[in-house]
């Protein structure tokens, strides 16, 4: 178990993290642009409106995608913990 193995495991973990954080982040960005455009069109100057809307959408998205996210995270964690004794000299 060399440095190549550890680098591969770290890369796989980072990819898993990106997969898990991608949908909520993308939803927040798209919603922020849409709400910002609507605020510009209607000339609403309230700064809490986009934050509240983004918060609600991200929470709903995390709740709905939670089982899929947790299965992916559990698989990655299980793999790391199962292979840990072989990594440590």
Protein backbone atom coordinates (compact mmCIF):
# COMPACT_ATOMS: atom_id res chain seq x y z
CA UNK A 1 0.00 0.00 0.00
CA UNK A 2 1.92 2.94 -1.28
CA UNK A 3 1.36 6.54 -2.04
CA UNK A 4 -0.42 5.67 -5.28
CA UNK A 5 -3.10 3.83 -3.36
CA UNK A 6 -3.60 6.71 -0.94
CA UNK A 7 -3.71 9.22 -3.78
CA UNK A 8 -6.35 7.12 -5.55
CA UNK A 9 -8.42 6.83 -2.37
CA UNK A 10 -8.21 10.58 -1.75
CA UNK A 11 -9.22 11.27 -5.36
CA UNK A 12 -12.20 8.90 -5.06
CA UNK A 13 -13.25 10.58 -1.82
CA UNK A 14 -13.02 14.04 -3.40
CA UNK A 15 -15.11 12.87 -6.37
CA UNK A 16 -17.71 11.51 -3.96
CA UNK A 17 -17.73 14.83 -2.12
CA UNK A 18 -18.23 16.70 -5.40
CA UNK A 19 -21.08 14.38 -6.38
CA UNK A 20 -22.77 14.95 -3.03
CA UNK A 21 -22.34 18.72 -2.98
CA UNK A 22 -23.06 19.31 -6.67
CA UNK A 23 -26.88 19.21 -6.83
CA UNK A 24 -27.56 21.52 -3.84
CA UNK A 25 -24.86 23.93 -4.99
CA UNK A 26 -26.15 23.97 -8.57
CA UNK A 27 -29.72 24.52 -7.39
CA UNK A 28 -28.62 27.43 -5.17
CA UNK A 29 -26.67 29.05 -8.01
CA UNK A 30 -29.47 28.71 -10.56
CA UNK A 31 -32.07 29.91 -8.09
CA UNK A 32 -29.86 32.83 -7.07
CA UNK A 33 -29.56 33.96 -10.68
CA UNK A 34 -33.31 33.62 -11.28
CA UNK A 35 -34.25 35.46 -8.08
CA UNK A 36 -31.63 38.13 -8.78
CA UNK A 37 -33.07 38.65 -12.25
CA UNK A 38 -36.60 38.88 -10.87
CA UNK A 39 -35.42 41.36 -8.23
CA UNK A 40 -33.77 43.47 -10.91
CA UNK A 41 -36.89 43.43 -13.07
CA UNK A 42 -39.26 44.29 -10.21
CA UNK A 43 -36.74 46.58 -8.46
CA UNK A 44 -37.08 44.81 -5.11
CA UNK A 45 -34.09 45.68 -2.91
CA UNK A 46 -34.64 43.13 -0.13
CA UNK A 47 -31.48 41.09 0.50
CA UNK A 48 -33.10 38.42 2.67
CA UNK A 49 -35.43 37.21 -0.09
CA UNK A 50 -32.83 35.34 -2.17
CA UNK A 51 -31.20 33.86 0.93
CA UNK A 52 -34.48 32.55 2.32
CA UNK A 53 -35.53 31.07 -1.02
CA UNK A 54 -32.14 29.42 -1.55
CA UNK A 55 -32.18 28.02 1.98
CA UNK A 56 -35.63 26.48 1.51
CA UNK A 57 -34.75 24.96 -1.87
CA UNK A 58 -31.45 23.51 -0.66
CA UNK A 59 -33.09 22.01 2.45
CA UNK A 60 -35.87 20.45 0.35
CA UNK A 61 -33.32 19.11 -2.13
CA UNK A 62 -31.16 17.60 0.61
CA UNK A 63 -34.22 15.99 2.21
CA UNK A 64 -35.42 14.49 -1.08
CA UNK A 65 -31.98 13.31 -2.20
CA UNK A 66 -30.92 12.28 1.30
CA UNK A 67 -31.36 8.52 0.87
CA UNK A 68 -29.29 8.47 -2.32
CA UNK A 69 -26.66 10.73 -0.77
CA UNK A 70 -26.45 8.65 2.38
CA UNK A 71 -26.11 5.40 0.41
CA UNK A 72 -23.22 6.82 -1.59
CA UNK A 73 -21.56 8.27 1.51
CA UNK A 74 -22.06 5.04 3.45
CA UNK A 75 -20.49 2.99 0.64
CA UNK A 76 -17.46 5.28 0.51
CA UNK A 77 -17.07 5.27 4.29
CA UNK A 78 -17.43 1.51 4.45
CA UNK A 79 -14.75 1.06 1.80
CA UNK A 80 -12.35 3.38 3.61
CA UNK A 81 -12.89 1.74 7.00
CA UNK A 82 -12.66 -1.80 5.58
CA UNK A 83 -9.36 -1.05 3.87
CA UNK A 84 -7.87 0.97 6.73
CA UNK A 85 -6.00 -1.93 8.40
CA UNK A 86 -4.19 -2.63 5.13
CA UNK A 87 -3.09 0.99 4.72
CA UNK A 88 -1.60 1.48 8.17
CA UNK A 89 1.82 -0.19 8.47
